[in-house]
N, C-alpha and C. Protein backbone atom coordinates (compact mmCIF):
# COMPACT_ATOMS: atom_id res chain seq x y z
N UNK A 1 22.65 96.20 -28.40
CA UNK A 1 22.12 95.17 -28.56
C UNK A 1 22.57 94.06 -29.09
N UNK A 2 23.72 94.04 -29.79
CA UNK A 2 24.30 92.97 -30.47
C UNK A 2 24.95 92.18 -28.97
N UNK A 3 25.45 92.83 -28.18
CA UNK A 3 25.79 92.22 -26.96
C UNK A 3 25.04 91.58 -26.25
N UNK A 4 23.87 92.02 -26.50
CA UNK A 4 22.67 91.23 -25.44
C UNK A 4 22.28 90.25 -26.18
N UNK A 5 22.36 90.32 -27.58
CA UNK A 5 21.74 88.96 -28.37
C UNK A 5 23.03 88.27 -28.49
N UNK A 6 24.28 88.47 -28.36
CA UNK A 6 25.45 87.40 -28.42
C UNK A 6 25.33 86.96 -27.17
N UNK A 7 25.13 87.65 -25.99
CA UNK A 7 24.81 86.92 -24.33
C UNK A 7 23.68 86.07 -24.72
N UNK A 8 22.80 86.08 -24.85
CA UNK A 8 21.64 85.53 -25.04
C UNK A 8 21.67 84.26 -25.91
N UNK A 9 22.53 84.65 -26.96
CA UNK A 9 22.64 83.26 -27.86
C UNK A 9 23.54 82.42 -26.92
N UNK A 10 24.42 82.87 -26.50
CA UNK A 10 25.80 82.12 -25.71
C UNK A 10 25.04 81.35 -24.53
N UNK A 11 23.84 81.96 -24.02
CA UNK A 11 23.16 81.66 -22.88
C UNK A 11 22.31 80.26 -23.20
N UNK A 12 22.00 80.61 -24.47
CA UNK A 12 20.86 79.51 -25.33
C UNK A 12 21.84 78.22 -25.47
N UNK A 13 23.07 78.66 -26.09
CA UNK A 13 24.10 77.72 -26.61
C UNK A 13 24.34 76.43 -25.07
N UNK A 14 24.71 77.41 -24.24
CA UNK A 14 25.03 76.58 -23.03
C UNK A 14 23.80 75.64 -22.37
N UNK A 15 22.40 76.37 -22.52
CA UNK A 15 21.57 75.74 -22.02
C UNK A 15 21.51 74.63 -22.98
N UNK A 16 21.28 74.80 -24.41
CA UNK A 16 21.14 73.84 -25.51
C UNK A 16 22.23 72.72 -24.99
N UNK A 17 23.33 73.05 -24.92
CA UNK A 17 24.46 72.18 -24.64
C UNK A 17 24.25 71.36 -23.58
N UNK A 18 23.77 71.89 -22.36
CA UNK A 18 23.22 71.27 -21.02
C UNK A 18 22.13 70.19 -21.24
N UNK A 19 21.19 70.91 -22.03
CA UNK A 19 19.90 70.04 -22.64
C UNK A 19 20.44 68.67 -23.04
N UNK A 20 21.55 68.98 -23.98
CA UNK A 20 22.15 67.86 -24.87
C UNK A 20 22.75 66.99 -23.96
N UNK A 21 23.72 67.69 -23.11
CA UNK A 21 24.31 66.64 -22.12
C UNK A 21 23.08 65.78 -21.27
N UNK A 22 21.95 66.66 -20.85
CA UNK A 22 21.05 65.93 -20.01
C UNK A 22 20.43 64.87 -20.85
N UNK A 23 20.17 65.21 -21.97
CA UNK A 23 19.47 63.96 -23.07
C UNK A 23 20.73 62.76 -23.29
N UNK A 24 21.83 63.14 -23.14
CA UNK A 24 22.56 62.29 -23.24
C UNK A 24 22.52 61.27 -21.92
N UNK A 25 22.46 61.82 -20.73
CA UNK A 25 22.64 61.02 -19.62
C UNK A 25 21.31 60.32 -19.43
N UNK A 26 19.99 61.22 -20.00
CA UNK A 26 18.92 60.30 -19.93
C UNK A 26 18.83 59.28 -20.95
N UNK A 27 19.37 59.33 -22.06
CA UNK A 27 19.28 58.39 -23.12
C UNK A 27 20.16 56.96 -22.54
N UNK A 28 21.53 57.52 -21.43
CA UNK A 28 22.14 56.90 -21.08
C UNK A 28 21.37 55.68 -19.89
N UNK A 29 20.64 56.50 -19.36
CA UNK A 29 19.61 55.87 -18.20
C UNK A 29 18.62 55.02 -18.84
N UNK A 30 18.30 55.36 -20.01
CA UNK A 30 17.04 54.38 -20.54
C UNK A 30 17.78 53.35 -21.10
N UNK A 31 19.15 53.49 -21.78
CA UNK A 31 19.51 52.25 -21.95
C UNK A 31 19.80 51.61 -20.94
N UNK A 32 20.42 51.60 -20.07
CA UNK A 32 20.49 51.09 -18.93
C UNK A 32 19.09 50.15 -18.16
N UNK A 33 18.26 51.24 -18.52
CA UNK A 33 16.65 50.53 -17.93
C UNK A 33 16.10 49.82 -18.99
N UNK A 34 16.73 49.95 -20.29
CA UNK A 34 16.15 48.79 -21.02
C UNK A 34 16.78 47.80 -20.90
N UNK A 35 18.42 47.79 -20.51
CA UNK A 35 18.78 46.30 -20.12
C UNK A 35 18.44 46.04 -18.87
N UNK A 36 17.64 46.62 -18.12
CA UNK A 36 17.13 46.07 -16.95
C UNK A 36 15.88 45.52 -16.99
N UNK A 37 15.37 46.29 -17.98
CA UNK A 37 13.55 45.58 -18.46
C UNK A 37 13.93 44.29 -18.95
N UNK A 38 14.98 43.89 -19.95
CA UNK A 38 15.23 43.23 -20.54
C UNK A 38 15.55 41.95 -19.74
N UNK A 39 16.64 42.05 -18.66
CA UNK A 39 16.77 41.09 -17.57
C UNK A 39 15.43 40.91 -16.87
N UNK A 40 14.37 41.57 -16.54
CA UNK A 40 13.32 41.49 -15.90
C UNK A 40 12.31 40.99 -16.45
N UNK A 41 12.43 40.98 -17.94
CA UNK A 41 11.61 40.31 -18.99
C UNK A 41 12.11 38.72 -19.04
N UNK A 42 13.36 38.58 -18.88
CA UNK A 42 13.95 37.09 -18.73
C UNK A 42 13.80 36.78 -17.43
N UNK A 43 13.77 37.39 -16.60
CA UNK A 43 13.05 36.74 -15.03
C UNK A 43 11.72 36.30 -15.34
N UNK A 44 10.98 36.90 -15.55
CA UNK A 44 9.51 37.07 -15.53
C UNK A 44 9.26 35.62 -16.37
N UNK A 45 10.09 35.64 -17.66
CA UNK A 45 9.89 34.39 -18.36
C UNK A 45 10.24 33.05 -17.87
N UNK A 46 11.47 33.01 -17.14
CA UNK A 46 11.97 31.94 -16.33
C UNK A 46 10.89 31.80 -15.48
N UNK A 47 10.45 32.62 -14.52
CA UNK A 47 9.31 32.40 -13.54
C UNK A 47 8.22 31.75 -14.16
N UNK A 48 7.56 32.40 -15.16
CA UNK A 48 6.46 31.60 -15.90
C UNK A 48 6.87 30.24 -16.34
N UNK A 49 8.06 29.99 -16.82
CA UNK A 49 8.30 28.83 -17.18
C UNK A 49 8.25 27.76 -15.82
N UNK A 50 9.23 28.26 -15.26
CA UNK A 50 8.57 27.57 -13.62
C UNK A 50 7.24 27.31 -13.19
N UNK A 51 6.49 28.59 -13.31
CA UNK A 51 4.97 28.34 -12.64
C UNK A 51 4.55 27.00 -13.44
N UNK A 52 4.90 26.98 -14.58
CA UNK A 52 3.93 26.17 -15.95
C UNK A 52 4.14 25.01 -15.45
N UNK A 53 5.84 24.92 -15.09
CA UNK A 53 6.42 23.30 -14.84
C UNK A 53 5.73 22.77 -13.69
N UNK A 54 5.47 24.13 -12.51
CA UNK A 54 5.06 23.62 -11.18
C UNK A 54 3.55 23.13 -11.78
N UNK A 55 2.93 23.90 -12.34
CA UNK A 55 1.46 23.34 -12.86
C UNK A 55 1.36 21.86 -13.21
N UNK A 56 2.20 21.65 -13.89
CA UNK A 56 2.41 20.17 -14.67
C UNK A 56 2.45 19.13 -13.65
N UNK A 57 3.47 19.48 -12.70
CA UNK A 57 4.01 18.86 -11.87
C UNK A 57 2.58 18.43 -10.77
N UNK A 58 2.18 19.59 -10.49
CA UNK A 58 0.80 19.58 -9.67
C UNK A 58 0.01 18.50 -10.33
N UNK A 59 -0.29 19.03 -11.40
CA UNK A 59 -1.51 18.08 -12.23
C UNK A 59 -1.11 16.56 -12.17
N UNK A 60 0.26 16.32 -12.57
CA UNK A 60 0.87 14.77 -12.64
C UNK A 60 0.43 14.10 -11.18
N UNK A 61 0.87 15.20 -10.09
CA UNK A 61 0.99 14.61 -8.81
C UNK A 61 -0.89 14.25 -8.44
N UNK A 62 -1.43 15.52 -8.86
CA UNK A 62 -3.01 15.28 -8.65
C UNK A 62 -3.44 13.74 -9.34
N UNK A 63 -3.06 13.53 -10.53
CA UNK A 63 -3.34 12.38 -11.43
C UNK A 63 -2.96 11.22 -10.22
N UNK A 64 -1.80 11.31 -9.74
CA UNK A 64 -1.17 10.29 -9.10
C UNK A 64 -1.95 9.89 -7.88
N UNK A 65 -2.33 11.11 -6.99
CA UNK A 65 -3.14 10.82 -6.11
C UNK A 65 -4.41 10.29 -6.50
N UNK A 66 -5.27 10.89 -7.51
CA UNK A 66 -6.26 10.17 -7.68
C UNK A 66 -6.33 8.60 -7.70
N UNK A 67 -5.20 8.32 -8.60
CA UNK A 67 -4.99 6.89 -8.77
C UNK A 67 -4.79 5.98 -7.60
N UNK A 68 -4.03 6.79 -6.69
CA UNK A 68 -3.75 6.04 -5.27
C UNK A 68 -5.23 5.81 -4.67
N UNK A 69 -5.71 7.33 -4.62
CA UNK A 69 -6.92 6.59 -3.89
C UNK A 69 -8.09 5.94 -4.63
N UNK A 70 -7.83 5.86 -5.58
CA UNK A 70 -8.52 4.38 -6.25
C UNK A 70 -8.30 3.06 -6.19
N UNK A 71 -7.04 3.12 -5.88
CA UNK A 71 -6.35 1.99 -5.33
C UNK A 71 -6.72 1.56 -3.92
N UNK A 72 -6.77 2.48 -3.13
CA UNK A 72 -7.17 2.47 -1.69
C UNK A 72 -8.35 2.02 -1.47
N UNK A 73 -9.43 2.78 -2.52
CA UNK A 73 -10.65 2.51 -2.25
C UNK A 73 -11.05 0.80 -2.86
N UNK A 74 -10.49 0.17 -4.01
CA UNK A 74 -10.45 -0.75 -4.45
C UNK A 74 -10.04 -1.70 -3.45
N UNK A 75 -8.70 -1.33 -2.88
CA UNK A 75 -8.34 -2.30 -1.87
C UNK A 75 -9.55 -2.41 -0.48
N UNK A 76 -9.67 -1.43 -0.08
CA UNK A 76 -10.80 -1.43 1.02
C UNK A 76 -11.93 -2.18 0.70
N UNK A 77 -12.28 -2.14 -0.42
CA UNK A 77 -13.61 -3.50 -1.13
C UNK A 77 -13.19 -4.33 -0.99
N UNK A 78 -11.94 -4.69 -1.49
CA UNK A 78 -11.11 -6.28 -1.19
C UNK A 78 -11.22 -6.32 0.37
N UNK A 79 -10.67 -5.51 1.18
CA UNK A 79 -10.60 -6.01 2.44
C UNK A 79 -11.78 -6.40 3.13
N UNK A 80 -12.81 -5.46 2.80
CA UNK A 80 -14.00 -6.01 3.20
C UNK A 80 -14.44 -7.35 2.77
N UNK A 81 -14.03 -7.89 1.39
CA UNK A 81 -14.69 -8.99 1.01
C UNK A 81 -13.92 -10.06 1.80
N UNK A 82 -12.45 -9.71 2.13
CA UNK A 82 -11.79 -10.76 2.49
C UNK A 82 -12.20 -10.83 4.14
N UNK A 83 -12.50 -9.80 4.64
CA UNK A 83 -13.06 -9.86 6.39
C UNK A 83 -14.27 -10.87 6.37
N UNK A 84 -14.94 -10.51 5.44
CA UNK A 84 -16.35 -11.33 4.99
C UNK A 84 -16.04 -12.89 5.37
N UNK A 85 -15.01 -13.27 4.19
CA UNK A 85 -14.52 -14.67 3.72
C UNK A 85 -14.10 -15.21 5.13
N UNK A 86 -13.31 -14.26 5.85
CA UNK A 86 -12.52 -14.90 7.05
C UNK A 86 -13.90 -14.87 7.98
N UNK A 87 -14.99 -14.07 8.34
CA UNK A 87 -15.87 -14.70 9.25
C UNK A 87 -16.50 -15.59 8.78
N UNK A 88 -16.70 -15.97 7.56
CA UNK A 88 -17.58 -17.15 7.21
C UNK A 88 -16.89 -18.35 7.56
N UNK A 89 -15.47 -18.24 7.28
CA UNK A 89 -14.40 -19.19 7.88
C UNK A 89 -14.52 -19.62 9.34
N UNK A 90 -14.65 -18.60 10.25
CA UNK A 90 -14.46 -18.96 11.66
C UNK A 90 -15.83 -19.46 11.82
N UNK A 91 -17.01 -19.04 11.20
CA UNK A 91 -18.07 -19.62 11.66
C UNK A 91 -18.05 -20.94 11.30
N UNK A 92 -17.86 -21.29 9.97
CA UNK A 92 -17.56 -22.73 9.32
C UNK A 92 -16.92 -23.61 10.62
N UNK A 93 -16.04 -22.97 10.76
CA UNK A 93 -14.77 -23.97 12.00
C UNK A 93 -15.88 -24.12 13.31
N UNK A 94 -16.25 -23.07 13.86
CA UNK A 94 -17.32 -23.36 14.75
C UNK A 94 -18.51 -24.35 15.04
N UNK A 95 -19.10 -24.31 13.68
CA UNK A 95 -19.80 -25.41 13.52
C UNK A 95 -18.83 -26.63 13.29
N UNK A 96 -18.16 -26.96 12.60
CA UNK A 96 -17.50 -27.59 12.34
C UNK A 96 -16.67 -28.57 13.97
N UNK A 97 -16.30 -27.58 14.65
CA UNK A 97 -15.91 -28.35 16.10
C UNK A 97 -17.00 -28.51 16.77
N UNK A 98 -18.30 -28.19 16.87
CA UNK A 98 -19.61 -28.26 17.36
C UNK A 98 -19.93 -29.95 16.85
N UNK A 99 -19.93 -29.92 15.60
CA UNK A 99 -20.52 -31.28 14.94
C UNK A 99 -19.12 -32.31 15.29
N UNK A 100 -17.97 -31.98 15.29
CA UNK A 100 -17.23 -32.87 15.97
C UNK A 100 -17.25 -33.37 17.33
N UNK A 101 -17.62 -32.35 18.03
CA UNK A 101 -17.73 -32.71 19.84
C UNK A 101 -19.13 -33.58 19.85
N UNK A 102 -20.03 -33.06 19.16
CA UNK A 102 -21.64 -33.70 19.31
C UNK A 102 -21.10 -35.47 18.53
N UNK A 103 -20.22 -35.66 17.13
CA UNK A 103 -19.81 -36.87 17.16
C UNK A 103 -19.01 -37.82 18.19
N UNK A 104 -18.09 -37.00 19.04
CA UNK A 104 -17.49 -37.72 19.98
C UNK A 104 -18.54 -38.09 20.87
N UNK A 105 -19.34 -37.16 21.41
CA UNK A 105 -20.25 -37.70 22.48
C UNK A 105 -21.42 -38.68 22.10
N UNK A 106 -21.91 -38.58 20.80
CA UNK A 106 -22.66 -39.95 20.22
C UNK A 106 -22.47 -41.07 20.15
N UNK A 107 -20.85 -40.71 19.77
CA UNK A 107 -19.95 -42.21 19.36
C UNK A 107 -18.97 -42.87 20.56
N UNK A 108 -19.18 -41.94 21.60
CA UNK A 108 -18.30 -42.51 22.60
C UNK A 108 -18.74 -43.70 23.20
N UNK A 109 -20.20 -43.54 23.41
CA UNK A 109 -20.72 -44.78 24.16
C UNK A 109 -20.44 -45.96 23.11
N UNK A 110 -20.62 -45.76 21.77
CA UNK A 110 -20.65 -46.85 21.08
C UNK A 110 -19.17 -47.63 20.79
N UNK A 111 -18.49 -46.64 20.85
CA UNK A 111 -16.89 -46.96 20.82
C UNK A 111 -16.83 -47.96 22.38
N UNK A 112 -17.12 -47.65 23.37
CA UNK A 112 -17.01 -48.28 24.73
C UNK A 112 -17.42 -49.57 24.54
N UNK A 113 -18.77 -49.63 24.19
CA UNK A 113 -19.47 -50.59 23.81
C UNK A 113 -18.85 -51.83 22.81
N UNK A 114 -17.93 -51.28 21.84
CA UNK A 114 -17.63 -52.01 20.97
C UNK A 114 -16.15 -52.85 21.53
N UNK A 115 -15.34 -51.57 22.22
CA UNK A 115 -14.49 -52.07 23.06
C UNK A 115 -14.51 -53.31 24.14
N UNK A 116 -16.08 -53.14 24.91
CA UNK A 116 -16.17 -54.22 26.06
C UNK A 116 -16.66 -55.42 25.22
N UNK A 117 -17.05 -55.31 24.03
CA UNK A 117 -17.30 -56.76 23.40
C UNK A 117 -15.95 -57.38 22.72
N UNK A 118 -15.02 -56.30 22.22
CA UNK A 118 -13.61 -56.79 22.07
C UNK A 118 -13.15 -57.52 22.98
N UNK A 119 -13.16 -57.07 24.40
CA UNK A 119 -12.37 -57.45 25.38
C UNK A 119 -13.00 -58.81 25.85
N UNK A 120 -14.38 -58.94 25.90
CA UNK A 120 -15.19 -59.97 26.36
C UNK A 120 -14.64 -61.05 25.16
N UNK A 121 -14.73 -60.68 23.72
CA UNK A 121 -14.50 -61.46 23.03
C UNK A 121 -13.11 -62.46 23.05
N UNK A 122 -11.78 -61.55 23.54
CA UNK A 122 -10.76 -61.75 23.78
C UNK A 122 -10.77 -62.65 24.59
N UNK A 123 -11.36 -62.31 25.70
CA UNK A 123 -11.22 -63.17 26.87
C UNK A 123 -11.84 -64.43 26.77
N UNK A 124 -12.95 -64.92 26.24
CA UNK A 124 -13.50 -65.91 25.70
C UNK A 124 -12.48 -66.93 24.88
N UNK A 125 -12.05 -66.16 23.74
CA UNK A 125 -10.66 -66.63 23.14
C UNK A 125 -9.86 -67.29 23.88
N UNK A 126 -9.31 -66.54 24.66
CA UNK A 126 -8.10 -67.11 25.91
C UNK A 126 -8.30 -68.01 26.40
N UNK A 127 -9.72 -68.32 27.02
CA UNK A 127 -10.05 -69.21 27.72
C UNK A 127 -10.34 -70.15 27.09
N UNK A 128 -10.70 -70.62 25.59
CA UNK A 128 -10.54 -71.68 24.84
C UNK A 128 -9.28 -71.95 24.38
N UNK A 129 -8.81 -71.41 24.07
CA UNK A 129 -6.95 -71.31 24.06
C UNK A 129 -6.41 -72.01 25.23
N UNK A 130 -6.70 -71.57 26.14
CA UNK A 130 -6.17 -72.12 27.61
C UNK A 130 -6.70 -73.51 27.52
N UNK A 131 -8.11 -73.85 27.37
CA UNK A 131 -8.68 -75.13 27.56
C UNK A 131 -7.84 -76.20 26.48
N UNK A 132 -7.99 -75.75 25.56
CA UNK A 132 -7.25 -76.38 24.47
C UNK A 132 -5.92 -76.71 24.78
N UNK A 133 -4.95 -75.98 25.28
CA UNK A 133 -3.68 -76.31 25.79
C UNK A 133 -3.59 -77.15 26.87
N UNK A 134 -4.82 -77.00 27.88
CA UNK A 134 -4.75 -77.79 28.87
C UNK A 134 -4.88 -79.38 28.41
N UNK A 135 -5.95 -79.65 27.75
CA UNK A 135 -6.20 -80.69 27.25
C UNK A 135 -5.19 -81.37 26.19
N UNK A 136 -4.36 -80.64 25.57
CA UNK A 136 -3.24 -81.19 24.83
C UNK A 136 -2.03 -81.45 25.68
N UNK A 137 -1.86 -80.98 26.62
CA UNK A 137 -1.00 -81.52 27.96
C UNK A 137 -1.41 -81.86 28.93
N UNK A 138 -2.85 -82.26 29.38
CA UNK A 138 -3.34 -83.38 30.15
C UNK A 138 -3.11 -84.71 30.08
N UNK A 139 -3.45 -85.45 31.08
CA UNK A 139 -3.21 -86.82 31.16
C UNK A 139 -3.84 -87.83 30.13
N UNK A 140 -3.28 -88.49 29.54
CA UNK A 140 -3.74 -89.40 28.91
C UNK A 140 -3.70 -88.98 27.25
N UNK A 141 -3.27 -87.61 27.28
CA UNK A 141 -3.07 -87.11 26.15
C UNK A 141 -1.79 -87.76 25.15
N UNK A 142 -1.70 -88.08 24.21
CA UNK A 142 -0.90 -88.49 23.40
C UNK A 142 -0.32 -87.67 22.26
N UNK A 143 0.94 -87.23 22.40
CA UNK A 143 1.20 -86.36 21.47
C UNK A 143 1.94 -87.19 20.00
N UNK A 144 1.03 -87.06 19.16
CA UNK A 144 1.26 -88.07 18.00
C UNK A 144 2.20 -87.02 17.07
N UNK A 145 3.76 -87.74 16.74
CA UNK A 145 4.10 -87.16 15.70
C UNK A 145 3.77 -87.06 14.27
N UNK A 146 3.71 -86.49 13.47
CA UNK A 146 2.85 -86.34 12.26
C UNK A 146 3.95 -86.72 11.14
């Protein structure tokens, strides 16, 4: 029975030794897993920081887009006002052109009449000057020195 007990004890020792060796391997694997988990945690932390930075960037981009949208709307309002002003200027130009044309038509006859009167006056003056010159040069006229 001693031998059986000794054999059983030996088997148990070997079993315990194998178990210890298995625990050591499990322990080593757990250490490696702990290192891998720590690396994964670090990667997750970096990813979280990257995602947070992306959120901040997107928020800033959103604010810039909102600001740009407001500028575009304000510029649209200004552009519409400018279009209205240009339209008013164009309408005023057309009215002014019509007035100038009306003035030309109305005053064209008056200008012709004034020119005709001036021509007649100059012809009359020319005739009178010519007569005076003829008298001065004519027979019996004496040029008196002064």
